[in-house]
Protein backbone atom coordinates (compact mmCIF):
# COMPACT_ATOMS: atom_id res chain seq x y z
CA UNK A 1 -3.80 2.21 -23.27
CA UNK A 2 -2.73 0.56 -20.08
CA UNK A 3 0.67 -0.05 -18.57
CA UNK A 4 1.36 -3.72 -19.22
CA UNK A 5 4.66 -4.06 -17.42
CA UNK A 6 6.33 -2.46 -14.40
CA UNK A 7 10.10 -2.93 -14.26
CA UNK A 8 12.05 -2.06 -11.12
CA UNK A 9 15.79 -2.08 -10.61
CA UNK A 10 17.05 -2.81 -7.12
CA UNK A 11 20.70 -2.15 -6.30
CA UNK A 12 22.76 -3.63 -3.53
CA UNK A 13 26.26 -2.25 -3.76
CA UNK A 14 27.58 -3.01 -7.22
CA UNK A 15 24.87 -5.58 -7.92
CA UNK A 16 21.55 -4.87 -9.56
CA UNK A 17 18.49 -7.08 -9.81
CA UNK A 18 15.55 -6.39 -12.06
CA UNK A 19 11.99 -7.44 -11.28
CA UNK A 20 8.94 -7.25 -13.50
CA UNK A 21 5.25 -7.16 -12.72
CA UNK A 22 2.64 -7.71 -15.43
CA UNK A 23 -0.55 -5.65 -15.59
CA UNK A 24 0.14 -3.49 -12.52
CA UNK A 25 -2.72 -1.67 -10.80
CA UNK A 26 -2.64 2.05 -10.02
CA UNK A 27 -1.72 1.08 -6.45
CA UNK A 28 1.23 -1.00 -7.76
CA UNK A 29 2.45 1.96 -9.84
CA UNK A 30 2.31 4.37 -6.91
CA UNK A 31 3.97 1.85 -4.59
CA UNK A 32 6.85 1.55 -7.09
CA UNK A 33 7.16 5.34 -7.16
CA UNK A 34 7.25 5.43 -3.38
CA UNK A 35 10.00 2.78 -3.27
CA UNK A 36 12.32 5.10 -5.19
CA UNK A 37 14.84 6.25 -2.61
CA UNK A 38 17.79 7.32 -4.75
CA UNK A 39 19.84 4.46 -3.36
CA UNK A 40 18.54 0.89 -3.36
CA UNK A 41 15.72 1.81 -5.76
CA UNK A 42 16.55 4.61 -8.21
CA UNK A 43 15.03 3.49 -11.50
CA UNK A 44 11.60 2.26 -12.56
CA UNK A 45 10.12 1.79 -16.02
CA UNK A 46 6.47 1.60 -17.02
CA UNK A 47 5.80 -0.05 -20.39
CA UNK A 48 2.53 0.11 -22.35
CA UNK A 49 1.10 -2.52 -24.65
CA UNK A 50 2.66 -0.78 -27.68
CA UNK A 51 6.08 -0.63 -25.94
CA UNK A 52 6.01 3.09 -25.12
CA UNK A 53 8.19 3.55 -22.03
CA UNK A 54 7.97 5.99 -19.14
CA UNK A 55 11.13 5.99 -17.02
CA UNK A 56 11.17 7.43 -13.51
CA UNK A 57 14.33 7.81 -11.50
CA UNK A 58 15.51 9.48 -8.34
CA UNK A 59 13.63 9.47 -5.07
CA UNK A 60 13.29 11.33 -1.81
CA UNK A 61 11.19 14.11 -3.32
CA UNK A 62 13.18 14.63 -6.54
CA UNK A 63 12.07 12.56 -9.52
CA UNK A 64 13.20 12.62 -13.14
CA UNK A 65 10.34 11.50 -15.41
CA UNK A 66 10.70 10.88 -19.14
CA UNK A 67 8.67 9.23 -21.88
CA UNK A 68 10.09 7.83 -25.10
CA UNK A 69 7.63 7.87 -27.98
CA UNK A 70 8.56 5.64 -30.91
CA UNK A 71 6.32 7.39 -33.42
CA UNK A 72 8.42 10.58 -33.40
CA UNK A 73 11.68 9.27 -31.86
CA UNK A 74 11.59 11.96 -29.18
CA UNK A 75 12.13 11.85 -25.45
CA UNK A 76 9.77 13.98 -23.38
CA UNK A 77 10.97 15.03 -19.93
CA UNK A 78 8.56 16.33 -17.30
CA UNK A 79 9.52 19.75 -15.95
CA UNK A 80 8.51 22.09 -13.15
CA UNK A 81 8.73 25.60 -14.58
CA UNK A 82 8.71 27.10 -11.07
CA UNK A 83 12.26 25.75 -10.65
CA UNK A 84 15.46 27.11 -12.16
CA UNK A 85 16.75 26.08 -15.58
CA UNK A 86 20.10 27.64 -14.67
CA UNK A 87 20.99 25.48 -11.65
CA UNK A 88 21.68 21.78 -11.44
CA UNK A 89 20.58 19.24 -8.88
CA UNK A 90 22.23 15.90 -8.18
CA UNK A 91 19.86 12.95 -8.49
CA UNK A 92 20.67 9.24 -8.50
CA UNK A 93 19.04 7.46 -11.44
CA UNK A 94 19.81 3.83 -12.23
CA UNK A 95 22.44 3.74 -9.50
CA UNK A 96 24.40 6.63 -11.02
CA UNK A 97 24.56 10.12 -9.57
CA UNK A 98 23.94 12.72 -12.24
CA UNK A 99 23.38 16.44 -12.54
CA UNK A 100 19.98 17.45 -13.85
CA UNK A 101 18.62 20.91 -14.37
CA UNK A 102 16.55 21.75 -11.29
CA UNK A 103 13.39 22.20 -13.32
CA UNK A 104 13.73 18.57 -14.51
CA UNK A 105 13.59 17.32 -10.90
CA UNK A 106 9.90 17.20 -10.08
CA UNK A 107 7.98 16.56 -6.86
CA UNK A 108 5.97 13.44 -6.11
CA UNK A 109 2.64 15.09 -6.99
CA UNK A 110 3.79 15.88 -10.54
CA UNK A 111 5.28 12.39 -10.93
CA UNK A 112 2.00 10.81 -9.74
CA UNK A 113 -0.05 12.90 -12.19
CA UNK A 114 2.27 11.91 -15.05
CA UNK A 115 2.16 8.19 -14.15
CA UNK A 116 -1.62 8.00 -13.76
CA UNK A 117 -2.25 9.81 -17.06
CA UNK A 118 0.30 7.56 -18.78
CA UNK A 119 -1.53 4.54 -17.32
CA UNK A 120 -4.72 5.66 -19.09
CA UNK A 121 -3.43 7.25 -22.31
CA UNK A 122 0.12 5.96 -22.92
CA UNK A 123 1.46 9.44 -23.63
CA UNK A 124 2.61 12.63 -21.87
CA UNK A 125 -0.23 14.45 -20.09
CA UNK A 126 -1.14 17.68 -21.90
CA UNK A 127 -1.97 19.17 -18.48
CA UNK A 128 1.69 18.94 -17.43
CA UNK A 129 4.74 20.68 -18.84
CA UNK A 130 7.26 18.71 -20.88
CA UNK A 131 10.41 19.46 -22.86
CA UNK A 132 11.37 17.29 -25.80
CA UNK A 133 14.72 16.22 -27.17
């Protein structure tokens, strides 16, 4: 299972432009993650050949990572259990500032691990912690 499409949203003021890259390499995926700055770039989607989508938003060290699996209609969100479930953190995703539970705002290392596993398997990594909705 390989990511077949990388979709990035770039915002300039009220305007948004979407770009797509077919068959991105691991380096392309990590470069897209590193472009996330919570301002101009705050939303990226990774799509597999069977249309499973991993969405990553945020930037500047706080990323919100989720995977939507069609086979069970659930959304899996990556979490960092060392962070609080009782406090919120503001993160810009898709150009909109939102409050997320702190434990849903993960560091770059966790986001990288999730993306690279998703690139290979097309599903949430069992080595990471996820909550489902």
